[in-house]
């Protein structure tokens, strides 16, 4: 007697038994619950306010020594550009070190207004008579 043709074999069947389906459902529910709790806690953490107003203000103090600074440092001062900064350094090299802050006024381009603007950024000058060497 001839056999009826069999169904084509398309590979293994991926079905779970009833007990395995229950176990997979429990694992899936636990994973979804964990994801939900994690998402909720993450949303709560993001909704908290950040106290920026209470942080202390930091102030950077920038001062230069007019007898040791090079032109790029002078150029950072308010009202002093590259050209004036190079003039200050050239004057110091030609006429010697500045004995006090008012000696800066001998540089062409430094008037009373510019001098008052840069004065807070100048380090106190050492007494040149008390220092050793020329």
C-alpha atoms as a PDB file:
ATOM      1  CA  UNK A   1       0.000   0.000   0.000  1.00  0.00           C
ATOM      2  CA  UNK A   2       1.338   3.376  -0.905  1.00  0.00           C
ATOM      3  CA  UNK A   3       2.129   5.905   1.786  1.00  0.00           C
ATOM      4  CA  UNK A   4       0.546   9.323   1.784  1.00  0.00           C
ATOM      5  CA  UNK A   5       3.015  12.095   1.068  1.00  0.00           C
ATOM      6  CA  UNK A   6       4.473  13.589   4.248  1.00  0.00           C
ATOM      7  CA  UNK A   7       4.528  17.295   5.030  1.00  0.00           C
ATOM      8  CA  UNK A   8       7.731  19.027   4.062  1.00  0.00           C
ATOM      9  CA  UNK A   9      10.244  19.410   6.899  1.00  0.00           C
ATOM     10  CA  UNK A  10      10.812  23.164   7.373  1.00  0.00           C
ATOM     11  CA  UNK A  11      13.116  22.797  10.331  1.00  0.00           C
ATOM     12  CA  UNK A  12      12.486  22.397  14.041  1.00  0.00           C
ATOM     13  CA  UNK A  13       9.246  23.587  15.602  1.00  0.00           C
ATOM     14  CA  UNK A  14       9.797  26.246  18.196  1.00  0.00           C
ATOM     15  CA  UNK A  15       6.946  25.685  20.515  1.00  0.00           C
ATOM     16  CA  UNK A  16       7.016  25.526  24.256  1.00  0.00           C
ATOM     17  CA  UNK A  17       5.152  23.206  26.494  1.00  0.00           C
ATOM     18  CA  UNK A  18       2.449  24.743  28.662  1.00  0.00           C
ATOM     19  CA  UNK A  19       4.655  24.712  31.776  1.00  0.00           C
ATOM     20  CA  UNK A  20       7.512  26.363  29.860  1.00  0.00           C
ATOM     21  CA  UNK A  21       5.157  29.017  28.510  1.00  0.00           C
ATOM     22  CA  UNK A  22       4.134  29.912  32.078  1.00  0.00           C
ATOM     23  CA  UNK A  23       7.773  30.180  33.147  1.00  0.00           C
ATOM     24  CA  UNK A  24       8.610  32.407  30.169  1.00  0.00           C
ATOM     25  CA  UNK A  25       5.585  34.606  30.949  1.00  0.00           C
ATOM     26  CA  UNK A  26       6.722  35.039  34.575  1.00  0.00           C
ATOM     27  CA  UNK A  27      10.279  35.924  33.485  1.00  0.00           C
ATOM     28  CA  UNK A  28       8.920  38.422  30.952  1.00  0.00           C
ATOM     29  CA  UNK A  29       6.650  40.069  33.538  1.00  0.00           C
ATOM     30  CA  UNK A  30       9.503  40.345  36.044  1.00  0.00           C
ATOM     31  CA  UNK A  31      11.758  41.905  33.384  1.00  0.00           C
ATOM     32  CA  UNK A  32       9.063  44.387  32.340  1.00  0.00           C
ATOM     33  CA  UNK A  33       8.440  45.246  35.996  1.00  0.00           C
ATOM     34  CA  UNK A  34      12.160  45.860  36.538  1.00  0.00           C
ATOM     35  CA  UNK A  35      12.308  48.075  33.445  1.00  0.00           C
ATOM     36  CA  UNK A  36       9.274  50.035  34.645  1.00  0.00           C
ATOM     37  CA  UNK A  37      10.729  50.587  38.124  1.00  0.00           C
ATOM     38  CA  UNK A  38      14.069  51.608  36.647  1.00  0.00           C
ATOM     39  CA  UNK A  39      12.395  54.066  34.266  1.00  0.00           C
ATOM     40  CA  UNK A  40      10.276  55.557  37.091  1.00  0.00           C
ATOM     41  CA  UNK A  41      13.310  56.033  39.387  1.00  0.00           C
ATOM     42  CA  UNK A  42      15.283  57.593  36.536  1.00  0.00           C
ATOM     43  CA  UNK A  43      12.456  60.059  35.867  1.00  0.00           C
ATOM     44  CA  UNK A  44      12.320  60.966  39.557  1.00  0.00           C
ATOM     45  CA  UNK A  45      16.067  61.618  39.650  1.00  0.00           C
ATOM     46  CA  UNK A  46      15.893  63.901  36.599  1.00  0.00           C
ATOM     47  CA  UNK A  47      13.012  65.946  37.997  1.00  0.00           C
ATOM     48  CA  UNK A  48      14.976  67.122  41.062  1.00  0.00           C
ATOM     49  CA  UNK A  49      16.122  70.732  41.007  1.00  0.00           C
ATOM     50  CA  UNK A  50      19.786  71.535  40.865  1.00  0.00           C
ATOM     51  CA  UNK A  51      20.962  74.212  43.298  1.00  0.00           C
ATOM     52  CA  UNK A  52      23.157  76.328  41.084  1.00  0.00           C
ATOM     53  CA  UNK A  53      22.480  79.579  42.915  1.00  0.00           C
ATOM     54  CA  UNK A  54      24.072  78.238  46.091  1.00  0.00           C
ATOM     55  CA  UNK A  55      27.462  77.439  44.639  1.00  0.00           C
ATOM     56  CA  UNK A  56      30.189  79.833  45.753  1.00  0.00           C
ATOM     57  CA  UNK A  57      31.424  82.338  43.227  1.00  0.00           C
ATOM     58  CA  UNK A  58      35.008  81.723  42.182  1.00  0.00           C
ATOM     59  CA  UNK A  59      37.085  84.718  41.254  1.00  0.00           C
ATOM     60  CA  UNK A  60      40.305  84.343  39.321  1.00  0.00           C
ATOM     61  CA  UNK A  61      42.863  86.946  40.250  1.00  0.00           C
ATOM     62  CA  UNK A  62      45.052  87.871  37.301  1.00  0.00           C
ATOM     63  CA  UNK A  63      48.030  90.116  37.994  1.00  0.00           C
ATOM     64  CA  UNK A  64      51.285  90.608  36.142  1.00  0.00           C
ATOM     65  CA  UNK A  65      54.718  91.916  37.030  1.00  0.00           C
ATOM     66  CA  UNK A  66      55.384  94.825  34.688  1.00  0.00           C
ATOM     67  CA  UNK A  67      59.145  94.260  34.867  1.00  0.00           C
ATOM     68  CA  UNK A  68      58.980  90.553  33.986  1.00  0.00           C
ATOM     69  CA  UNK A  69      55.911  90.134  31.771  1.00  0.00           C
ATOM     70  CA  UNK A  70      56.211  89.669  28.037  1.00  0.00           C
ATOM     71  CA  UNK A  71      53.908  91.297  25.484  1.00  0.00           C
ATOM     72  CA  UNK A  72      51.292  88.477  25.330  1.00  0.00           C
ATOM     73  CA  UNK A  73      50.602  88.968  29.049  1.00  0.00           C
ATOM     74  CA  UNK A  74      50.263  92.735  28.610  1.00  0.00           C
ATOM     75  CA  UNK A  75      47.909  92.177  25.667  1.00  0.00           C
ATOM     76  CA  UNK A  76      45.446  90.429  28.023  1.00  0.00           C
ATOM     77  CA  UNK A  77      44.943  93.612  30.045  1.00  0.00           C
ATOM     78  CA  UNK A  78      41.833  95.710  29.314  1.00  0.00           C
ATOM     79  CA  UNK A  79      42.505  98.501  26.860  1.00  0.00           C
ATOM     80  CA  UNK A  80      45.911  97.116  25.885  1.00  0.00           C
ATOM     81  CA  UNK A  81      46.238  95.465  22.510  1.00  0.00           C
ATOM     82  CA  UNK A  82      49.153  93.760  20.833  1.00  0.00           C
ATOM     83  CA  UNK A  83      50.730  96.988  19.555  1.00  0.00           C
ATOM     84  CA  UNK A  84      50.631  98.755  22.927  1.00  0.00           C
ATOM     85  CA  UNK A  85      51.844  95.621  24.701  1.00  0.00           C
ATOM     86  CA  UNK A  86      54.890  95.459  22.420  1.00  0.00           C
ATOM     87  CA  UNK A  87      55.533  99.178  23.055  1.00  0.00           C
ATOM     88  CA  UNK A  88      55.566  98.544  26.818  1.00  0.00           C
ATOM     89  CA  UNK A  89      58.108  95.732  26.472  1.00  0.00           C
ATOM     90  CA  UNK A  90      60.244  97.789  24.040  1.00  0.00           C
ATOM     91  CA  UNK A  91      60.229 100.741  26.449  1.00  0.00           C
ATOM     92  CA  UNK A  92      61.284  98.500  29.333  1.00  0.00           C
ATOM     93  CA  UNK A  93      64.154  97.079  27.257  1.00  0.00           C
ATOM     94  CA  UNK A  94      65.306 100.513  26.099  1.00  0.00           C
ATOM     95  CA  UNK A  95      64.858 102.620  29.243  1.00  0.00           C
ATOM     96  CA  UNK A  96      65.304  99.949  31.913  1.00  0.00           C
ATOM     97  CA  UNK A  97      62.840  98.514  34.416  1.00  0.00           C
ATOM     98  CA  UNK A  98      59.889 100.485  35.660  1.00  0.00           C
ATOM     99  CA  UNK A  99      60.596 101.915  39.128  1.00  0.00           C
ATOM    100  CA  UNK A 100      56.917 102.464  39.927  1.00  0.00           C
ATOM    101  CA  UNK A 101      53.576 102.118  38.214  1.00  0.00           C
ATOM    102  CA  UNK A 102      53.583 105.735  37.059  1.00  0.00           C
ATOM    103  CA  UNK A 103      56.602 104.961  34.854  1.00  0.00           C
ATOM    104  CA  UNK A 104      54.137 103.175  32.568  1.00  0.00           C
ATOM    105  CA  UNK A 105      52.836 106.617  31.615  1.00  0.00           C
ATOM    106  CA  UNK A 106      56.072 107.235  29.666  1.00  0.00           C
ATOM    107  CA  UNK A 107      54.909 104.650  27.104  1.00  0.00           C
ATOM    108  CA  UNK A 108      53.107 106.274  24.182  1.00  0.00           C
ATOM    109  CA  UNK A 109      49.463 105.191  24.243  1.00  0.00           C
ATOM    110  CA  UNK A 110      49.059 104.850  28.008  1.00  0.00           C
ATOM    111  CA  UNK A 111      47.057 107.786  29.251  1.00  0.00           C
ATOM    112  CA  UNK A 112      45.285 108.287  32.564  1.00  0.00           C
ATOM    113  CA  UNK A 113      42.224 106.302  31.489  1.00  0.00           C
ATOM    114  CA  UNK A 114      44.220 103.282  30.246  1.00  0.00           C
ATOM    115  CA  UNK A 115      46.471 103.433  33.305  1.00  0.00           C
ATOM    116  CA  UNK A 116      43.497 103.369  35.717  1.00  0.00           C
ATOM    117  CA  UNK A 117      42.002 100.453  33.775  1.00  0.00           C
ATOM    118  CA  UNK A 118      45.105  98.269  34.043  1.00  0.00           C
ATOM    119  CA  UNK A 119      46.203  99.297  37.545  1.00  0.00           C
ATOM    120  CA  UNK A 120      44.184  96.544  39.360  1.00  0.00           C
ATOM    121  CA  UNK A 121      45.977  93.920  37.263  1.00  0.00           C
ATOM    122  CA  UNK A 122      49.514  94.996  38.203  1.00  0.00           C
ATOM    123  CA  UNK A 123      51.501  93.304  40.935  1.00  0.00           C
ATOM    124  CA  UNK A 124      53.113  95.574  43.497  1.00  0.00           C
ATOM    125  CA  UNK A 125      56.621  96.487  42.426  1.00  0.00           C
ATOM    126  CA  UNK A 126      59.600  95.419  44.466  1.00  0.00           C
ATOM    127  CA  UNK A 127      61.871  98.157  45.748  1.00  0.00           C
ATOM    128  CA  UNK A 128      64.585  98.168  43.066  1.00  0.00           C
ATOM    129  CA  UNK A 129      67.102  99.792  45.443  1.00  0.00           C
ATOM    130  CA  UNK A 130      66.666  96.937  47.928  1.00  0.00           C
ATOM    131  CA  UNK A 131      67.117  94.136  45.377  1.00  0.00           C
ATOM    132  CA  UNK A 132      70.500  92.699  44.534  1.00  0.00           C
ATOM    133  CA  UNK A 133      72.086  93.138  41.133  1.00  0.00           C
ATOM    134  CA  UNK A 134      71.784  95.805  38.460  1.00  0.00           C
END
